[in-house]
Amino acid sequence: MLYPKILLGAILIASPILSMAQSTKSSNLTNTATVVSLCSLQVTQNISFGSVNALEGIDALGQGSIQVSCTYGSYTVMVGRGLNDNNNSYNPHDCGRWGCTYTVQCIRAMANADKTSKIPYELYTTSDPSSIVRLLGESSSDGIYSPARCDSSPVRNVGFASLMFNSPEKQTVNIFARTTVSDKNALKPGVYTDSFTVSVVF
């Protein structure tokens, strides 16, 4: 008996894939960093006048130096009053009916061990005497009140140098000092010292 042949086949029908619409939300991630103003200061040389001959009078020049390193920007080097500046120099101006206005100039000084003898000195930005940096105090009227004194204000600073940094390299600031003493017999033998603050404003 003959059987009919049955051909089996598979018909594949490609049906389209339905894609779902996608939504995107985004936000920004912010990075922050703060660069603060910083400085470092180191004394590299103290001021020394060496040995002086008081019999011949004193006219001596000394030099000290500091090294400063700061972040980018402009900065000011300040110098303080010292420990022994009870001397005063008054500059009268604007004199009128009720007296004059006096500006106090504080004279720095080195003192011996028992503070009974002093050697005055001034600071300079160069070895040229015209580059003097005077330590000026308050102005006051002498009509009624006595002029202010240097020792009446414990904290006193004055601008000494301006520095600009655009690289991390250290900069050297030289500080010159000169002392002149003509009253020879007033000085007692011994070691005379003083100390003043050097700072950077940032």
N, C-alpha and C. Protein backbone atom coordinates (compact mmCIF):
# COMPACT_ATOMS: atom_id res chain seq x y z
N MET A 1 0.86 -1.18 0.00
CA MET A 1 0.00 0.00 0.00
C MET A 1 0.89 1.22 0.00
N LEU A 2 0.57 2.08 -0.82
CA LEU A 2 1.38 3.30 -0.95
C LEU A 2 0.78 4.41 -0.14
N TYR A 3 1.69 5.06 0.65
CA TYR A 3 1.25 6.20 1.46
C TYR A 3 1.75 7.48 0.82
N PRO A 4 0.93 8.45 0.86
CA PRO A 4 1.40 9.74 0.28
C PRO A 4 2.47 10.36 1.19
N LYS A 5 3.45 10.94 0.55
CA LYS A 5 4.50 11.62 1.31
C LYS A 5 4.01 12.97 1.77
N ILE A 6 4.24 13.23 3.01
CA ILE A 6 3.81 14.51 3.58
C ILE A 6 5.07 15.33 3.86
N LEU A 7 5.16 16.42 3.27
CA LEU A 7 6.31 17.30 3.49
C LEU A 7 5.97 18.26 4.59
N LEU A 8 6.79 18.15 5.58
CA LEU A 8 6.59 19.06 6.71
C LEU A 8 7.58 20.20 6.59
N GLY A 9 7.16 21.32 6.79
CA GLY A 9 8.05 22.49 6.74
C GLY A 9 7.64 23.47 7.83
N ALA A 10 8.55 24.29 8.11
CA ALA A 10 8.30 25.32 9.13
C ALA A 10 8.39 26.66 8.46
N ILE A 11 7.44 27.42 8.65
CA ILE A 11 7.43 28.77 8.11
C ILE A 11 7.71 29.73 9.24
N LEU A 12 8.86 30.40 9.13
CA LEU A 12 9.24 31.37 10.16
C LEU A 12 8.75 32.75 9.75
N ILE A 13 8.07 33.33 10.63
CA ILE A 13 7.56 34.67 10.37
C ILE A 13 8.27 35.64 11.31
N ALA A 14 8.98 36.52 10.70
CA ALA A 14 9.70 37.51 11.52
C ALA A 14 8.72 38.58 11.94
N SER A 15 8.55 38.65 13.23
CA SER A 15 7.63 39.67 13.75
C SER A 15 8.47 40.84 14.30
N PRO A 16 8.08 42.01 14.06
CA PRO A 16 8.86 43.18 14.55
C PRO A 16 8.87 43.23 16.08
N ILE A 17 10.12 43.67 16.67
CA ILE A 17 10.25 43.83 18.12
C ILE A 17 9.87 45.25 18.47
N LEU A 18 8.95 45.35 19.31
CA LEU A 18 8.50 46.67 19.72
C LEU A 18 9.46 47.24 20.76
N SER A 19 10.17 48.39 20.48
CA SER A 19 11.10 49.03 21.43
C SER A 19 10.35 50.05 22.26
N MET A 20 10.67 50.05 23.55
CA MET A 20 10.04 50.99 24.46
C MET A 20 10.83 52.31 24.44
N ALA A 21 10.19 53.42 24.46
CA ALA A 21 10.84 54.73 24.51
C ALA A 21 11.51 54.91 25.87
N GLN A 22 12.84 55.41 25.91
CA GLN A 22 13.60 55.56 27.15
C GLN A 22 13.74 57.04 27.49
N SER A 23 13.69 57.36 28.80
CA SER A 23 13.87 58.73 29.29
C SER A 23 15.22 58.84 30.00
N THR A 24 15.88 60.00 29.88
CA THR A 24 17.19 60.24 30.51
C THR A 24 17.12 61.48 31.39
N LYS A 25 17.59 61.34 32.61
CA LYS A 25 17.70 62.48 33.50
C LYS A 25 19.17 62.63 33.91
N SER A 26 19.62 63.85 34.00
CA SER A 26 21.03 64.08 34.33
C SER A 26 21.16 65.21 35.34
N SER A 27 22.29 65.22 35.99
CA SER A 27 22.61 66.27 36.95
C SER A 27 24.11 66.51 36.91
N ASN A 28 24.52 67.67 37.33
CA ASN A 28 25.94 68.01 37.30
C ASN A 28 26.59 67.71 38.65
N LEU A 29 27.77 67.14 38.59
CA LEU A 29 28.59 66.91 39.77
C LEU A 29 29.67 68.00 39.78
N THR A 30 29.65 68.81 40.82
CA THR A 30 30.55 69.97 40.87
C THR A 30 31.78 69.65 41.69
N ASN A 31 32.92 69.98 41.15
CA ASN A 31 34.18 69.84 41.87
C ASN A 31 34.61 71.19 42.41
N THR A 32 35.06 71.25 43.64
CA THR A 32 35.53 72.50 44.24
C THR A 32 36.85 72.28 44.96
N ALA A 33 37.66 73.29 44.92
CA ALA A 33 38.92 73.30 45.67
C ALA A 33 39.22 74.74 46.04
N THR A 34 39.68 74.97 47.23
CA THR A 34 40.01 76.32 47.71
C THR A 34 41.50 76.43 47.92
N VAL A 35 42.11 77.37 47.22
CA VAL A 35 43.53 77.66 47.41
C VAL A 35 43.64 78.82 48.39
N VAL A 36 44.18 78.57 49.52
CA VAL A 36 44.29 79.60 50.56
C VAL A 36 45.63 80.31 50.46
N SER A 37 45.65 81.54 50.93
CA SER A 37 46.90 82.29 50.97
C SER A 37 47.76 81.76 52.11
N LEU A 38 48.97 81.39 51.78
CA LEU A 38 49.89 80.85 52.77
C LEU A 38 51.27 81.44 52.56
N CYS A 39 51.99 81.62 53.64
CA CYS A 39 53.37 82.11 53.57
C CYS A 39 54.21 81.36 54.60
N SER A 40 55.47 81.23 54.29
CA SER A 40 56.45 80.76 55.26
C SER A 40 57.58 81.77 55.32
N LEU A 41 58.13 81.96 56.51
CA LEU A 41 59.17 82.96 56.72
C LEU A 41 60.26 82.36 57.59
N GLN A 42 61.51 82.59 57.20
CA GLN A 42 62.63 82.05 57.95
C GLN A 42 63.73 83.11 58.04
N VAL A 43 64.24 83.32 59.24
CA VAL A 43 65.37 84.23 59.43
C VAL A 43 66.63 83.50 58.99
N THR A 44 67.33 84.06 58.02
CA THR A 44 68.56 83.44 57.52
C THR A 44 69.82 84.14 58.01
N GLN A 45 69.68 85.37 58.49
CA GLN A 45 70.84 86.08 59.04
C GLN A 45 70.37 87.14 60.02
N ASN A 46 70.86 87.07 61.24
CA ASN A 46 70.57 88.10 62.23
C ASN A 46 71.48 89.31 62.02
N ILE A 47 71.06 90.44 62.55
CA ILE A 47 71.83 91.67 62.39
C ILE A 47 72.92 91.73 63.45
N SER A 48 74.15 91.98 63.01
CA SER A 48 75.26 92.10 63.94
C SER A 48 76.10 93.32 63.55
N PHE A 49 76.38 94.15 64.53
CA PHE A 49 77.26 95.30 64.30
C PHE A 49 78.71 94.98 64.65
N GLY A 50 78.95 93.80 65.18
CA GLY A 50 80.30 93.42 65.55
C GLY A 50 80.79 94.20 66.77
N SER A 51 82.10 94.22 66.94
CA SER A 51 82.71 94.96 68.04
C SER A 51 82.88 96.42 67.63
N VAL A 52 82.50 97.33 68.52
CA VAL A 52 82.60 98.76 68.22
C VAL A 52 83.50 99.44 69.25
N ASN A 53 84.16 100.48 68.81
CA ASN A 53 85.06 101.24 69.66
C ASN A 53 84.34 102.48 70.14
N ALA A 54 83.87 102.46 71.39
CA ALA A 54 83.10 103.58 71.92
C ALA A 54 83.95 104.82 72.11
N LEU A 55 85.27 104.68 72.21
CA LEU A 55 86.12 105.85 72.38
C LEU A 55 86.17 106.72 71.12
N GLU A 56 85.90 106.10 69.98
CA GLU A 56 85.93 106.83 68.72
C GLU A 56 84.52 107.18 68.24
N GLY A 57 83.52 106.84 69.02
CA GLY A 57 82.16 107.01 68.55
C GLY A 57 81.75 105.84 67.67
N ILE A 58 80.48 105.68 67.48
CA ILE A 58 79.98 104.53 66.73
C ILE A 58 79.21 105.01 65.50
N ASP A 59 79.58 104.51 64.36
CA ASP A 59 78.82 104.69 63.11
C ASP A 59 78.93 103.37 62.37
N ALA A 60 78.02 102.46 62.66
CA ALA A 60 78.15 101.09 62.17
C ALA A 60 76.91 100.68 61.39
N LEU A 61 77.12 99.85 60.37
CA LEU A 61 76.05 99.33 59.53
C LEU A 61 76.01 97.81 59.69
N GLY A 62 74.83 97.28 59.96
CA GLY A 62 74.64 95.83 60.05
C GLY A 62 73.60 95.38 59.05
N GLN A 63 73.60 94.10 58.75
CA GLN A 63 72.64 93.57 57.78
C GLN A 63 72.12 92.22 58.23
N GLY A 64 70.81 92.05 58.14
CA GLY A 64 70.17 90.78 58.37
C GLY A 64 69.35 90.40 57.15
N SER A 65 68.79 89.22 57.13
CA SER A 65 67.98 88.80 55.97
C SER A 65 66.98 87.74 56.40
N ILE A 66 65.89 87.68 55.66
CA ILE A 66 64.87 86.65 55.83
C ILE A 66 64.55 86.06 54.47
N GLN A 67 64.03 84.85 54.46
CA GLN A 67 63.54 84.23 53.24
C GLN A 67 62.05 84.01 53.37
N VAL A 68 61.33 84.39 52.32
CA VAL A 68 59.87 84.31 52.34
C VAL A 68 59.39 83.51 51.14
N SER A 69 58.44 82.64 51.36
CA SER A 69 57.78 81.90 50.29
C SER A 69 56.28 81.98 50.49
N CYS A 70 55.56 82.40 49.45
CA CYS A 70 54.11 82.57 49.56
C CYS A 70 53.41 82.01 48.33
N THR A 71 52.13 81.77 48.45
CA THR A 71 51.31 81.42 47.31
C THR A 71 51.16 82.63 46.40
N TYR A 72 50.60 82.42 45.22
CA TYR A 72 50.49 83.47 44.21
C TYR A 72 49.79 84.71 44.79
N GLY A 73 50.38 85.88 44.55
CA GLY A 73 49.75 87.11 45.02
C GLY A 73 50.76 88.11 45.54
N SER A 74 50.24 89.20 46.06
CA SER A 74 51.07 90.28 46.61
C SER A 74 51.00 90.25 48.13
N TYR A 75 52.12 90.51 48.78
CA TYR A 75 52.21 90.43 50.22
C TYR A 75 53.08 91.56 50.76
N THR A 76 52.91 91.88 52.04
CA THR A 76 53.66 92.95 52.68
C THR A 76 54.46 92.38 53.84
N VAL A 77 55.73 92.73 53.89
CA VAL A 77 56.60 92.37 55.01
C VAL A 77 56.55 93.51 56.02
N MET A 78 56.26 93.18 57.28
CA MET A 78 56.16 94.18 58.34
C MET A 78 57.29 93.97 59.35
N VAL A 79 57.74 95.08 59.95
CA VAL A 79 58.72 95.00 61.03
C VAL A 79 58.13 95.64 62.27
N GLY A 80 58.43 95.06 63.42
CA GLY A 80 57.86 95.52 64.68
C GLY A 80 58.76 96.53 65.38
N ARG A 81 58.37 96.86 66.58
CA ARG A 81 58.97 97.96 67.31
C ARG A 81 60.23 97.61 68.07
N GLY A 82 60.42 96.40 68.47
CA GLY A 82 61.58 96.04 69.28
C GLY A 82 61.25 96.08 70.75
N LEU A 83 62.25 95.85 71.58
CA LEU A 83 62.05 95.70 73.02
C LEU A 83 62.46 96.92 73.83
N ASN A 84 63.21 97.83 73.23
CA ASN A 84 63.82 98.89 74.03
C ASN A 84 63.56 100.29 73.47
N ASP A 85 62.48 100.48 72.73
CA ASP A 85 62.27 101.77 72.07
C ASP A 85 61.49 102.74 72.96
N ASN A 86 61.97 102.97 74.20
CA ASN A 86 61.32 103.99 75.02
C ASN A 86 61.78 105.38 74.67
N ASN A 87 62.70 105.53 73.74
CA ASN A 87 63.07 106.87 73.28
C ASN A 87 62.00 107.37 72.33
N ASN A 88 61.84 108.67 72.29
CA ASN A 88 60.82 109.25 71.43
C ASN A 88 61.38 110.45 70.70
N SER A 89 60.91 110.64 69.49
CA SER A 89 61.23 111.84 68.72
C SER A 89 59.91 112.39 68.21
N TYR A 90 59.62 113.65 68.49
CA TYR A 90 58.35 114.24 68.12
C TYR A 90 58.53 115.20 66.94
N ASN A 91 57.71 115.05 65.96
CA ASN A 91 57.76 115.91 64.78
C ASN A 91 56.57 116.87 64.84
N PRO A 92 56.78 118.11 65.26
CA PRO A 92 55.64 119.05 65.37
C PRO A 92 55.21 119.56 63.99
N HIS A 93 53.90 119.64 63.80
CA HIS A 93 53.35 120.19 62.55
C HIS A 93 51.95 120.70 62.82
N ASP A 94 51.41 121.44 61.88
CA ASP A 94 50.07 122.02 62.00
C ASP A 94 49.92 122.80 63.31
N CYS A 95 50.88 123.66 63.57
CA CYS A 95 50.84 124.44 64.80
C CYS A 95 49.82 125.57 64.69
N GLY A 96 49.05 125.75 65.73
CA GLY A 96 48.02 126.79 65.74
C GLY A 96 47.89 127.39 67.12
N ARG A 97 46.72 127.96 67.36
CA ARG A 97 46.48 128.67 68.61
C ARG A 97 46.59 127.76 69.82
N TRP A 98 46.13 126.53 69.66
CA TRP A 98 46.09 125.62 70.80
C TRP A 98 47.28 124.67 70.85
N GLY A 99 48.33 124.99 70.11
CA GLY A 99 49.51 124.14 70.13
C GLY A 99 49.74 123.46 68.80
N CYS A 100 50.58 122.48 68.81
CA CYS A 100 50.97 121.76 67.59
C CYS A 100 50.49 120.31 67.65
N THR A 101 50.41 119.70 66.47
CA THR A 101 50.18 118.26 66.39
C THR A 101 51.54 117.58 66.29
N TYR A 102 51.74 116.55 67.09
CA TYR A 102 53.02 115.87 67.13
C TYR A 102 52.84 114.44 66.64
N THR A 103 53.73 114.03 65.73
CA THR A 103 53.78 112.64 65.32
C THR A 103 54.94 111.97 66.03
N VAL A 104 54.65 110.89 66.70
CA VAL A 104 55.67 110.20 67.49
C VAL A 104 56.51 109.32 66.59
N GLN A 105 57.81 109.44 66.68
CA GLN A 105 58.72 108.53 66.01
C GLN A 105 59.42 107.70 67.08
N CYS A 106 59.25 106.39 67.00
CA CYS A 106 59.84 105.49 67.98
C CYS A 106 61.24 105.10 67.52
N ILE A 107 62.22 105.34 68.35
CA ILE A 107 63.60 105.01 68.03
C ILE A 107 63.94 103.67 68.65
N ARG A 108 64.26 102.69 67.80
CA ARG A 108 64.67 101.39 68.32
C ARG A 108 66.03 101.52 69.01
N ALA A 109 66.30 100.60 69.92
CA ALA A 109 67.58 100.65 70.64
C ALA A 109 67.97 99.26 71.10
N MET A 110 69.27 99.02 71.12
CA MET A 110 69.83 97.84 71.78
C MET A 110 70.21 98.24 73.20
N ALA A 111 70.02 97.34 74.14
CA ALA A 111 70.31 97.64 75.54
C ALA A 111 71.29 96.61 76.10
N ASN A 112 72.04 97.05 77.11
CA ASN A 112 72.95 96.11 77.77
C ASN A 112 72.16 95.21 78.72
N ALA A 113 72.85 94.36 79.42
CA ALA A 113 72.17 93.32 80.20
C ALA A 113 71.25 93.87 81.26
N ASP A 114 71.64 94.93 81.95
CA ASP A 114 70.80 95.47 83.02
C ASP A 114 69.96 96.66 82.58
N LYS A 115 69.89 96.90 81.26
CA LYS A 115 69.03 97.94 80.67
C LYS A 115 69.40 99.35 81.13
N THR A 116 70.65 99.56 81.53
CA THR A 116 71.06 100.89 82.00
C THR A 116 71.77 101.69 80.92
N SER A 117 72.06 101.07 79.80
CA SER A 117 72.75 101.77 78.70
C SER A 117 72.18 101.27 77.38
N LYS A 118 71.97 102.18 76.43
CA LYS A 118 71.32 101.81 75.18
C LYS A 118 72.07 102.39 73.98
N ILE A 119 71.98 101.67 72.87
CA ILE A 119 72.52 102.11 71.59
C ILE A 119 71.36 102.20 70.61
N PRO A 120 70.97 103.39 70.19
CA PRO A 120 69.85 103.52 69.25
C PRO A 120 70.24 103.08 67.85
N TYR A 121 69.25 102.63 67.08
CA TYR A 121 69.50 102.25 65.68
C TYR A 121 68.21 102.42 64.89
N GLU A 122 68.36 102.51 63.57
CA GLU A 122 67.22 102.60 62.66
C GLU A 122 67.34 101.50 61.61
N LEU A 123 66.22 101.15 60.97
CA LEU A 123 66.20 100.14 59.92
C LEU A 123 66.13 100.80 58.55
N TYR A 124 66.72 100.11 57.55
CA TYR A 124 66.78 100.61 56.18
C TYR A 124 66.52 99.45 55.22
N THR A 125 65.96 99.76 54.07
CA THR A 125 65.72 98.73 53.07
C THR A 125 66.97 98.45 52.24
N THR A 126 67.90 99.40 52.17
CA THR A 126 69.18 99.22 51.49
C THR A 126 70.26 99.83 52.37
N SER A 127 71.49 99.79 51.91
CA SER A 127 72.58 100.41 52.65
C SER A 127 72.58 101.93 52.51
N ASP A 128 71.74 102.45 51.64
CA ASP A 128 71.63 103.90 51.44
C ASP A 128 70.87 104.51 52.61
N PRO A 129 71.43 105.52 53.29
CA PRO A 129 70.74 106.13 54.44
C PRO A 129 69.38 106.73 54.11
N SER A 130 69.15 107.05 52.83
CA SER A 130 67.85 107.63 52.47
C SER A 130 66.72 106.60 52.46
N SER A 131 67.05 105.32 52.58
CA SER A 131 66.01 104.27 52.54
C SER A 131 65.51 103.92 53.93
N ILE A 132 65.60 104.85 54.86
CA ILE A 132 65.20 104.60 56.23
C ILE A 132 63.72 104.27 56.33
N VAL A 133 63.38 103.35 57.21
CA VAL A 133 61.99 102.97 57.49
C VAL A 133 61.69 103.39 58.92
N ARG A 134 61.00 104.48 59.06
CA ARG A 134 60.75 105.04 60.38
C ARG A 134 59.55 104.35 61.03
N LEU A 135 59.66 104.16 62.33
CA LEU A 135 58.59 103.55 63.11
C LEU A 135 57.78 104.68 63.73
N LEU A 136 56.72 105.05 63.05
CA LEU A 136 55.91 106.18 63.48
C LEU A 136 54.74 105.72 64.32
N GLY A 137 54.44 106.50 65.34
CA GLY A 137 53.31 106.21 66.20
C GLY A 137 52.14 107.12 65.92
N GLU A 138 51.29 107.29 66.91
CA GLU A 138 50.10 108.11 66.74
C GLU A 138 50.45 109.59 66.67
N SER A 139 49.54 110.34 66.10
CA SER A 139 49.64 111.80 66.13
C SER A 139 48.70 112.32 67.21
N SER A 140 49.14 113.33 67.93
CA SER A 140 48.31 113.86 68.99
C SER A 140 48.62 115.34 69.17
N SER A 141 47.72 116.03 69.83
CA SER A 141 47.88 117.45 70.07
C SER A 141 48.57 117.68 71.40
N ASP A 142 49.46 118.68 71.43
CA ASP A 142 50.19 119.00 72.66
C ASP A 142 49.54 120.19 73.37
N GLY A 143 48.36 120.59 72.90
CA GLY A 143 47.72 121.74 73.50
C GLY A 143 47.24 121.45 74.91
N ILE A 144 46.58 120.30 75.10
CA ILE A 144 46.03 119.93 76.40
C ILE A 144 46.69 118.66 76.93
N TYR A 145 46.81 117.69 76.03
CA TYR A 145 47.33 116.39 76.45
C TYR A 145 48.79 116.25 76.02
N SER A 146 49.52 115.46 76.76
CA SER A 146 50.90 115.17 76.38
C SER A 146 50.90 114.26 75.14
N PRO A 147 51.88 114.42 74.27
CA PRO A 147 51.94 113.56 73.09
C PRO A 147 52.03 112.09 73.47
N ALA A 148 51.49 111.24 72.62
CA ALA A 148 51.55 109.80 72.88
C ALA A 148 53.00 109.34 72.89
N ARG A 149 53.25 108.30 73.65
CA ARG A 149 54.59 107.74 73.73
C ARG A 149 54.62 106.38 73.04
N CYS A 150 55.80 106.00 72.59
CA CYS A 150 55.95 104.71 71.92
C CYS A 150 55.56 103.57 72.84
N ASP A 151 55.95 103.65 74.12
CA ASP A 151 55.69 102.55 75.02
C ASP A 151 54.25 102.50 75.51
N SER A 152 53.40 103.43 75.04
CA SER A 152 51.99 103.37 75.41
C SER A 152 51.20 102.44 74.49
N SER A 153 51.81 102.00 73.40
CA SER A 153 51.17 101.06 72.49
C SER A 153 52.05 99.83 72.35
N PRO A 154 51.66 98.71 72.98
CA PRO A 154 52.54 97.55 72.99
C PRO A 154 52.74 96.91 71.62
N VAL A 155 51.77 97.06 70.71
CA VAL A 155 51.88 96.45 69.39
C VAL A 155 52.01 97.56 68.35
N ARG A 156 53.12 97.56 67.65
CA ARG A 156 53.32 98.57 66.62
C ARG A 156 54.15 97.94 65.50
N ASN A 157 53.64 98.06 64.27
CA ASN A 157 54.33 97.51 63.11
C ASN A 157 54.32 98.53 61.99
N VAL A 158 55.24 98.39 61.07
CA VAL A 158 55.32 99.29 59.94
C VAL A 158 55.69 98.49 58.71
N GLY A 159 55.15 98.88 57.55
CA GLY A 159 55.46 98.19 56.30
C GLY A 159 56.92 98.37 55.92
N PHE A 160 57.57 97.27 55.56
CA PHE A 160 58.99 97.32 55.22
C PHE A 160 59.23 97.02 53.74
N ALA A 161 58.54 96.04 53.19
CA ALA A 161 58.77 95.65 51.80
C ALA A 161 57.50 95.04 51.23
N SER A 162 57.35 95.13 49.90
CA SER A 162 56.24 94.50 49.18
C SER A 162 56.79 93.39 48.30
N LEU A 163 56.13 92.24 48.33
CA LEU A 163 56.58 91.09 47.56
C LEU A 163 55.47 90.60 46.65
N MET A 164 55.85 90.15 45.44
CA MET A 164 54.90 89.56 44.50
C MET A 164 55.38 88.15 44.17
N PHE A 165 54.50 87.18 44.34
CA PHE A 165 54.84 85.79 44.07
C PHE A 165 54.00 85.26 42.91
N ASN A 166 54.68 84.73 41.89
CA ASN A 166 53.99 83.98 40.84
C ASN A 166 54.65 82.62 40.61
N SER A 167 55.53 82.24 41.55
CA SER A 167 56.16 80.93 41.55
C SER A 167 56.49 80.58 43.00
N PRO A 168 56.70 79.31 43.28
CA PRO A 168 56.95 78.91 44.68
C PRO A 168 58.38 79.19 45.16
N GLU A 169 59.20 79.81 44.34
CA GLU A 169 60.58 80.06 44.74
C GLU A 169 60.64 81.08 45.89
N LYS A 170 61.59 80.86 46.79
CA LYS A 170 61.75 81.75 47.94
C LYS A 170 62.37 83.08 47.50
N GLN A 171 61.97 84.13 48.18
CA GLN A 171 62.54 85.44 47.94
C GLN A 171 63.26 85.91 49.21
N THR A 172 64.38 86.56 49.01
CA THR A 172 65.19 87.06 50.12
C THR A 172 64.92 88.54 50.33
N VAL A 173 64.68 88.92 51.57
CA VAL A 173 64.50 90.32 51.94
C VAL A 173 65.64 90.70 52.88
N ASN A 174 66.43 91.66 52.46
CA ASN A 174 67.53 92.15 53.30
C ASN A 174 67.03 93.27 54.21
N ILE A 175 67.47 93.25 55.44
CA ILE A 175 67.11 94.28 56.42
C ILE A 175 68.40 94.90 56.94
N PHE A 176 68.59 96.17 56.63
CA PHE A 176 69.80 96.87 57.05
C PHE A 176 69.50 97.68 58.31
N ALA A 177 70.52 97.86 59.14
CA ALA A 177 70.38 98.66 60.35
C ALA A 177 71.64 99.49 60.53
N ARG A 178 71.46 100.72 60.97
CA ARG A 178 72.59 101.61 61.22
C ARG A 178 72.45 102.22 62.61
N THR A 179 73.56 102.27 63.30
CA THR A 179 73.59 102.92 64.61
C THR A 179 74.65 104.00 64.60
N THR A 180 74.31 105.14 65.15
CA THR A 180 75.24 106.26 65.25
C THR A 180 75.20 106.80 66.67
N VAL A 181 76.34 106.76 67.35
CA VAL A 181 76.44 107.25 68.72
C VAL A 181 77.64 108.19 68.79
N SER A 182 77.38 109.43 69.15
CA SER A 182 78.47 110.39 69.28
C SER A 182 78.86 110.64 70.74
N ASP A 183 77.94 110.33 71.67
CA ASP A 183 78.21 110.54 73.09
C ASP A 183 78.98 109.33 73.61
N LYS A 184 80.29 109.34 73.43
CA LYS A 184 81.10 108.16 73.69
C LYS A 184 81.07 107.70 75.14
N ASN A 185 81.14 108.62 76.05
CA ASN A 185 81.26 108.26 77.46
C ASN A 185 79.97 107.70 78.06
N ALA A 186 78.87 107.79 77.33
CA ALA A 186 77.59 107.34 77.87
C ALA A 186 77.41 105.83 77.77
N LEU A 187 78.25 105.15 77.00
CA LEU A 187 78.07 103.72 76.76
C LEU A 187 78.91 102.90 77.74
N LYS A 188 78.25 101.95 78.37
CA LYS A 188 78.95 101.03 79.26
C LYS A 188 79.45 99.83 78.46
N PRO A 189 80.60 99.30 78.79
CA PRO A 189 81.08 98.09 78.10
C PRO A 189 80.12 96.92 78.33
N GLY A 190 80.01 96.07 77.34
CA GLY A 190 79.14 94.91 77.45
C GLY A 190 78.49 94.58 76.12
N VAL A 191 77.62 93.58 76.15
CA VAL A 191 76.89 93.14 74.96
C VAL A 191 75.53 93.81 74.95
N TYR A 192 75.20 94.43 73.83
CA TYR A 192 73.93 95.12 73.66
C TYR A 192 73.07 94.32 72.68
N THR A 193 71.81 94.12 73.01
CA THR A 193 70.93 93.31 72.16
C THR A 193 69.55 93.96 72.05
N ASP A 194 68.85 93.56 71.01
CA ASP A 194 67.45 93.91 70.82
C ASP A 194 66.83 92.83 69.95
N SER A 195 65.53 92.79 69.92
CA SER A 195 64.81 91.82 69.10
C SER A 195 63.51 92.45 68.62
N PHE A 196 63.22 92.34 67.33
CA PHE A 196 61.96 92.86 66.81
C PHE A 196 61.34 91.81 65.89
N THR A 197 60.04 91.90 65.77
CA THR A 197 59.28 90.92 65.00
C THR A 197 59.27 91.29 63.52
N VAL A 198 59.47 90.27 62.68
CA VAL A 198 59.31 90.41 61.23
C VAL A 198 58.16 89.48 60.82
N SER A 199 57.19 90.00 60.11
CA SER A 199 56.00 89.22 59.77
C SER A 199 55.58 89.50 58.33
N VAL A 200 54.77 88.59 57.80
CA VAL A 200 54.20 88.73 56.46
C VAL A 200 52.70 88.76 56.58
N VAL A 201 52.08 89.75 55.97
CA VAL A 201 50.62 89.89 56.01
C VAL A 201 50.05 89.16 54.79
N PHE A 202 49.17 88.18 55.03
CA PHE A 202 48.55 87.45 53.92
C PHE A 202 47.12 87.07 54.27
